């Protein structure tokens, strides 16, 4: 299964798996842009994915993607998660993988993950106790993407001011905050794996508490852990991503124009010590193989399957 695996790295250089994206997650296009900026030429990432698809499934990657059993319901489901469409008329058990609580349940034995609890406004004492124990939390949607609804919470007032009596149709989770920093930047990593192999990796950099939609940069092995240049210049791109062309064809939603076309790339690289680089690759492969082996019908009931949302 083609997956995009997101990581944070704490101050001791311990990687934490944050979430996994399925279907047609971004990753290859962004990696290729960082490769272009860092090396001055395109990578071979698209050719590798195509070769792996033909080798593992006997068909082109586009055909492989559109033959996924949950693909038809996944597209409208992602639009619903973005608040841009109605809840799908039909769903597939594969959509359970979009529930971050289910992800946590099945992945916490595969790799280190930030401790996570379901947020229940009727059990505020549990949330407050979790905050007191962890001191800093992230609230995120149980069903969501692109950082929608994400908030960093460091005091009880922040917790109560950001919540209402119900968590809404998307649900909510509280997760311990992982201080993933390099120089003046907060960063995260996206690793792509497919057909049992690691494909590529890049990083998001931002000067705020979270790195969603930051500046992208190439990732390579190197010592010590650092950015090759903290005062980097950037290059702007405005071109339709490879993923968007396969996923949407000529009918991409207008609200995703920025996400699908516009990227800002750092003229710098994130250097990861070899053991850390290898560990992230290994975890991404384990996750991909686990997801590929799942019986989707036997996954726990997802938040969206609860009767109140039907």
Protein backbone atom coordinates (compact mmCIF):
# COMPACT_ATOMS: atom_id res chain seq x y z
CA UNK A 1 0.00 0.00 0.00
CA UNK A 2 1.29 3.45 -0.92
CA UNK A 3 1.67 5.36 2.37
CA UNK A 4 3.01 8.68 3.61
CA UNK A 5 4.37 8.31 7.15
CA UNK A 6 4.85 11.43 9.27
CA UNK A 7 7.47 11.75 12.02
CA UNK A 8 8.64 14.16 14.69
CA UNK A 9 12.14 13.93 16.23
CA UNK A 10 12.69 14.94 19.85
CA UNK A 11 15.78 16.57 21.39
CA UNK A 12 17.42 13.19 22.00
CA UNK A 13 16.97 12.33 18.29
CA UNK A 14 14.26 9.77 19.02
CA UNK A 15 11.75 9.48 16.16
CA UNK A 16 8.01 9.51 16.89
CA UNK A 17 5.52 8.28 14.34
CA UNK A 18 2.68 10.83 14.20
CA UNK A 19 0.26 9.56 11.57
CA UNK A 20 -0.04 7.63 8.33
CA UNK A 21 -1.72 8.86 5.15
CA UNK A 22 -3.13 6.49 2.54
CA UNK A 23 -4.60 6.72 -0.94
CA UNK A 24 -2.53 9.31 -2.76
CA UNK A 25 -0.66 11.21 -0.04
CA UNK A 26 1.79 13.90 -1.01
CA UNK A 27 5.43 12.98 -0.81
CA UNK A 28 7.01 12.04 -4.12
CA UNK A 29 6.37 15.41 -5.80
CA UNK A 30 7.59 17.38 -2.78
CA UNK A 31 10.68 15.19 -2.51
CA UNK A 32 11.47 15.71 -6.19
CA UNK A 33 11.28 19.49 -5.78
CA UNK A 34 13.68 19.41 -2.82
CA UNK A 35 16.01 17.20 -4.89
CA UNK A 36 15.84 19.69 -7.78
CA UNK A 37 16.75 22.61 -5.52
CA UNK A 38 19.52 20.79 -3.61
CA UNK A 39 21.15 18.99 -6.56
CA UNK A 40 20.00 21.09 -9.51
CA UNK A 41 18.28 18.15 -11.21
CA UNK A 42 15.18 15.99 -10.87
CA UNK A 43 15.24 12.69 -9.02
CA UNK A 44 14.19 9.29 -10.33
CA UNK A 45 11.42 8.92 -7.73
CA UNK A 46 8.51 8.70 -10.18
CA UNK A 47 10.26 6.08 -12.29
CA UNK A 48 11.01 4.03 -9.14
CA UNK A 49 7.36 4.07 -8.08
CA UNK A 50 6.23 3.05 -11.55
CA UNK A 51 8.77 0.22 -11.68
CA UNK A 52 7.73 -1.05 -8.23
CA UNK A 53 4.06 -0.98 -9.17
CA UNK A 54 4.61 -3.04 -12.31
CA UNK A 55 6.88 -5.42 -10.41
CA UNK A 56 4.56 -5.92 -7.41
CA UNK A 57 1.13 -5.77 -9.03
CA UNK A 58 1.81 -6.14 -12.76
CA UNK A 59 0.05 -2.89 -13.66
CA UNK A 60 0.95 0.82 -13.95
CA UNK A 61 0.82 2.82 -10.74
CA UNK A 62 -2.22 4.85 -11.84
CA UNK A 63 -4.14 1.60 -12.42
CA UNK A 64 -2.93 0.18 -9.11
CA UNK A 65 -4.16 3.25 -7.25
CA UNK A 66 -7.59 3.30 -8.85
CA UNK A 67 -8.06 -0.42 -8.20
CA UNK A 68 -7.73 0.00 -4.43
CA UNK A 69 -10.99 -1.34 -2.95
CA UNK A 70 -11.68 1.80 -0.90
CA UNK A 71 -10.61 4.41 -3.44
CA UNK A 72 -14.06 5.45 -4.65
CA UNK A 73 -15.35 6.23 -1.17
CA UNK A 74 -12.00 7.69 -0.05
CA UNK A 75 -12.16 10.65 -2.43
CA UNK A 76 -15.52 12.05 -1.20
CA UNK A 77 -14.54 11.15 2.37
CA UNK A 78 -11.45 13.35 2.19
CA UNK A 79 -13.57 16.20 0.80
CA UNK A 80 -15.95 15.75 3.74
CA UNK A 81 -13.00 15.82 6.17
CA UNK A 82 -11.95 19.12 4.60
CA UNK A 83 -15.46 20.53 5.12
CA UNK A 84 -15.93 20.74 1.35
CA UNK A 85 -18.57 18.11 0.70
CA UNK A 86 -21.29 15.89 2.18
CA UNK A 87 -20.61 12.69 4.06
CA UNK A 88 -20.24 9.86 1.48
CA UNK A 89 -23.38 7.89 0.66
CA UNK A 90 -21.40 4.67 0.94
CA UNK A 91 -18.24 3.84 2.88
CA UNK A 92 -15.66 1.07 2.86
CA UNK A 93 -13.88 -0.49 5.86
CA UNK A 94 -10.63 0.92 4.46
CA UNK A 95 -11.78 4.38 5.53
CA UNK A 96 -11.22 3.25 9.11
CA UNK A 97 -7.54 3.96 8.47
CA UNK A 98 -8.43 7.69 8.42
CA UNK A 99 -9.41 7.53 12.11
CA UNK A 100 -6.29 8.63 13.97
CA UNK A 101 -7.41 6.79 17.10
CA UNK A 102 -7.42 3.53 15.13
CA UNK A 103 -4.01 4.44 13.72
CA UNK A 104 -2.69 4.86 17.24
CA UNK A 105 -4.16 1.52 18.30
CA UNK A 106 -2.58 -0.47 15.48
CA UNK A 107 0.73 1.42 15.17
CA UNK A 108 1.90 2.00 18.75
CA UNK A 109 3.43 -1.49 18.82
CA UNK A 110 5.28 -0.84 15.53
CA UNK A 111 7.07 2.39 16.46
CA UNK A 112 7.25 5.00 19.24
CA UNK A 113 4.22 7.32 19.11
CA UNK A 114 3.26 10.30 21.28
CA UNK A 115 0.85 9.20 24.00
CA UNK A 116 -2.67 9.91 22.76
CA UNK A 117 -6.14 9.98 24.29
CA UNK A 118 -9.61 10.61 22.90
CA UNK A 119 -10.89 14.02 23.94
CA UNK A 120 -14.31 13.86 25.60
CA UNK A 121 -15.63 17.27 26.71
CA UNK A 122 -17.82 15.48 29.24
CA UNK A 123 -14.66 14.09 30.89
CA UNK A 124 -12.73 17.34 31.23
CA UNK A 125 -10.94 16.07 34.32
CA UNK A 126 -9.24 13.37 32.25
CA UNK A 127 -7.99 15.94 29.74
CA UNK A 128 -6.76 18.24 32.51
CA UNK A 129 -4.94 15.37 34.22
CA UNK A 130 -3.29 14.46 30.90
CA UNK A 131 -2.20 18.08 30.44
CA UNK A 132 -0.79 18.22 33.96
CA UNK A 133 1.18 15.03 33.36
CA UNK A 134 2.53 15.98 29.91
CA UNK A 135 2.67 19.80 30.45
CA UNK A 136 2.12 20.51 26.75
CA UNK A 137 -0.38 18.91 24.37
CA UNK A 138 -1.59 19.03 20.80
CA UNK A 139 -5.30 18.89 20.08
CA UNK A 140 -6.10 17.51 16.64
CA UNK A 141 -9.04 16.16 14.73
CA UNK A 142 -9.68 12.47 15.00
CA UNK A 143 -10.78 12.64 11.36
CA UNK A 144 -8.87 15.32 9.52
CA UNK A 145 -5.83 16.22 7.47
CA UNK A 146 -3.59 19.10 6.60
CA UNK A 147 -3.43 20.26 10.21
CA UNK A 148 -7.07 21.41 10.24
CA UNK A 149 -8.19 21.97 13.82
CA UNK A 150 -4.69 21.54 15.25
CA UNK A 151 -3.91 23.58 18.37
CA UNK A 152 -1.01 23.56 20.82
CA UNK A 153 -2.12 23.69 24.48
CA UNK A 154 0.15 24.50 27.42
CA UNK A 155 -2.26 25.54 30.18
CA UNK A 156 -5.77 24.63 31.43
CA UNK A 157 -7.24 27.88 30.12
CA UNK A 158 -6.02 27.02 26.65
CA UNK A 159 -7.68 23.63 26.88
CA UNK A 160 -11.08 24.89 27.97
CA UNK A 161 -11.12 27.87 25.59
CA UNK A 162 -10.53 25.69 22.52
CA UNK A 163 -13.28 23.18 23.20
CA UNK A 164 -17.05 23.06 23.25
CA UNK A 165 -19.60 20.70 24.74
CA UNK A 166 -19.26 18.28 21.81
CA UNK A 167 -16.21 17.36 19.68
CA UNK A 168 -18.19 17.78 16.44
CA UNK A 169 -18.46 15.36 13.52
CA UNK A 170 -14.70 14.88 13.20
CA UNK A 171 -13.98 13.95 16.82
CA UNK A 172 -10.91 15.15 18.68
CA UNK A 173 -7.73 13.71 20.18
CA UNK A 174 -5.20 15.00 22.66
CA UNK A 175 -1.58 14.04 22.06
CA UNK A 176 1.56 14.80 24.00
CA UNK A 177 3.59 17.55 22.37
CA UNK A 178 6.93 16.47 20.90
CA UNK A 179 9.46 19.30 20.64
CA UNK A 180 10.82 18.57 17.17
CA UNK A 181 13.37 21.35 16.61
CA UNK A 182 16.41 22.02 14.47
CA UNK A 183 18.05 25.40 14.95
CA UNK A 184 15.28 28.06 14.96
CA UNK A 185 12.81 25.77 13.18
CA UNK A 186 10.14 23.30 14.20
CA UNK A 187 10.22 20.40 11.76
CA UNK A 188 8.50 17.19 10.75
CA UNK A 189 9.43 14.47 8.29
CA UNK A 190 7.35 12.77 5.62
CA UNK A 191 8.60 9.34 4.50
CA UNK A 192 6.96 7.48 1.60
CA UNK A 193 6.93 3.69 1.33
CA UNK A 194 5.38 1.42 -1.27
CA UNK A 195 5.43 -2.27 -2.15
CA UNK A 196 7.68 -3.15 0.78
CA UNK A 197 10.30 -0.53 -0.02
CA UNK A 198 11.29 2.92 1.21
CA UNK A 199 10.80 5.51 -1.52
CA UNK A 200 11.84 8.96 -0.30
CA UNK A 201 11.81 11.51 2.53
CA UNK A 202 11.67 15.28 2.95
CA UNK A 203 11.15 17.75 5.80
CA UNK A 204 8.77 20.61 6.63
CA UNK A 205 10.30 23.61 8.45
CA UNK A 206 8.48 26.45 10.19
CA UNK A 207 9.16 29.12 12.82
CA UNK A 208 6.13 28.29 14.97
CA UNK A 209 4.98 25.49 17.30
CA UNK A 210 4.04 23.16 14.44
CA UNK A 211 5.42 22.59 10.95
CA UNK A 212 2.35 21.98 8.77
CA UNK A 213 2.56 23.79 5.43
CA UNK A 214 6.07 25.02 6.11
CA UNK A 215 9.10 25.39 3.86
CA UNK A 216 10.23 22.06 2.39
CA UNK A 217 13.82 20.84 2.41
CA UNK A 218 15.85 17.87 1.26
CA UNK A 219 16.88 15.26 3.86
CA UNK A 220 20.17 13.41 3.72
CA UNK A 221 22.52 11.47 5.97
CA UNK A 222 25.13 13.56 7.74
CA UNK A 223 26.82 14.46 11.03
CA UNK A 224 26.03 16.23 13.22
CA UNK A 225 22.25 16.63 13.18
CA UNK A 226 21.63 20.10 11.75
CA UNK A 227 20.51 22.18 8.79
CA UNK A 228 23.22 22.68 6.22
CA UNK A 229 22.29 26.40 6.26
CA UNK A 230 19.96 27.96 8.85
CA UNK A 231 19.77 31.25 6.94
CA UNK A 232 18.68 29.67 3.70
CA UNK A 233 17.08 31.33 0.70
CA UNK A 234 14.01 29.69 -0.84
CA UNK A 235 12.74 28.83 -4.30
CA UNK A 236 9.03 29.02 -5.16
CA UNK A 237 7.29 26.53 -7.46
CA UNK A 238 3.83 26.76 -9.01
CA UNK A 239 3.12 23.55 -10.88
CA UNK A 240 0.57 20.78 -10.58
CA UNK A 241 1.86 17.97 -8.42
CA UNK A 242 2.35 14.44 -9.72
CA UNK A 243 -0.03 13.15 -7.05
CA UNK A 244 -2.76 15.62 -8.04
CA UNK A 245 -2.55 14.64 -11.70
CA UNK A 246 -3.05 10.96 -10.82
CA UNK A 247 -5.64 11.52 -8.07
CA UNK A 248 -7.83 14.22 -9.63
CA UNK A 249 -6.94 14.32 -13.33
CA UNK A 250 -8.19 17.65 -14.66
CA UNK A 251 -10.83 18.07 -11.94
CA UNK A 252 -8.98 19.10 -8.81
CA UNK A 253 -11.03 21.09 -6.26
CA UNK A 254 -10.37 24.83 -6.44
CA UNK A 255 -9.88 25.09 -2.67
CA UNK A 256 -6.82 22.82 -2.92
CA UNK A 257 -5.04 25.04 -5.47
CA UNK A 258 -2.37 26.11 -2.94
CA UNK A 259 -1.81 22.57 -1.67
CA UNK A 260 -1.61 20.98 -5.10
CA UNK A 261 0.43 23.59 -6.97
CA UNK A 262 2.41 25.94 -4.74
CA UNK A 263 5.53 24.94 -2.80
CA UNK A 264 8.40 26.85 -1.21
CA UNK A 265 11.69 24.96 -1.10
CA UNK A 266 14.71 25.74 1.05
CA UNK A 267 18.15 25.94 -0.50
CA UNK A 268 19.40 23.75 2.32
CA UNK A 269 19.24 20.18 3.57
CA UNK A 270 18.43 18.57 6.89
CA UNK A 271 21.29 16.33 7.97
CA UNK A 272 20.28 13.20 9.90
CA UNK A 273 22.87 10.91 11.50
CA UNK A 274 22.96 7.56 9.71
CA UNK A 275 21.37 5.50 12.55
CA UNK A 276 18.39 7.89 12.69
CA UNK A 277 18.02 8.02 8.91
CA UNK A 278 18.08 4.21 8.78
CA UNK A 279 15.57 3.89 11.63
CA UNK A 280 13.05 6.16 9.92
CA UNK A 281 13.37 4.20 6.69
CA UNK A 282 12.90 0.94 8.61
CA UNK A 283 9.80 2.18 10.43
CA UNK A 284 8.24 3.44 7.18
CA UNK A 285 8.75 0.01 5.58
CA UNK A 286 7.27 -1.77 8.62
CA UNK A 287 4.23 0.48 8.53
CA UNK A 288 3.70 -0.10 4.81
CA UNK A 289 3.95 -3.85 5.19
CA UNK A 290 1.59 -3.82 8.17
CA UNK A 291 -0.99 -1.75 6.32
CA UNK A 292 -0.71 -4.00 3.29
CA UNK A 293 -1.39 -7.08 5.45
CA UNK A 294 -4.43 -5.70 7.30
CA UNK A 295 -7.87 -7.24 7.06
CA UNK A 296 -9.70 -3.94 6.87
CA UNK A 297 -13.01 -5.50 7.87
CA UNK A 298 -11.54 -6.49 11.23
CA UNK A 299 -10.32 -3.02 12.21
CA UNK A 300 -12.11 -1.45 15.19
CA UNK A 301 -15.21 0.63 14.53
CA UNK A 302 -14.26 4.12 13.38
CA UNK A 303 -15.61 7.38 14.78
CA UNK A 304 -17.58 8.06 11.57
CA UNK A 305 -19.32 4.67 11.82
CA UNK A 306 -21.00 5.53 15.11
CA UNK A 307 -24.75 5.77 14.78
CA UNK A 308 -24.89 9.44 15.76
CA UNK A 309 -23.01 10.42 12.58
CA UNK A 310 -25.10 8.41 10.13
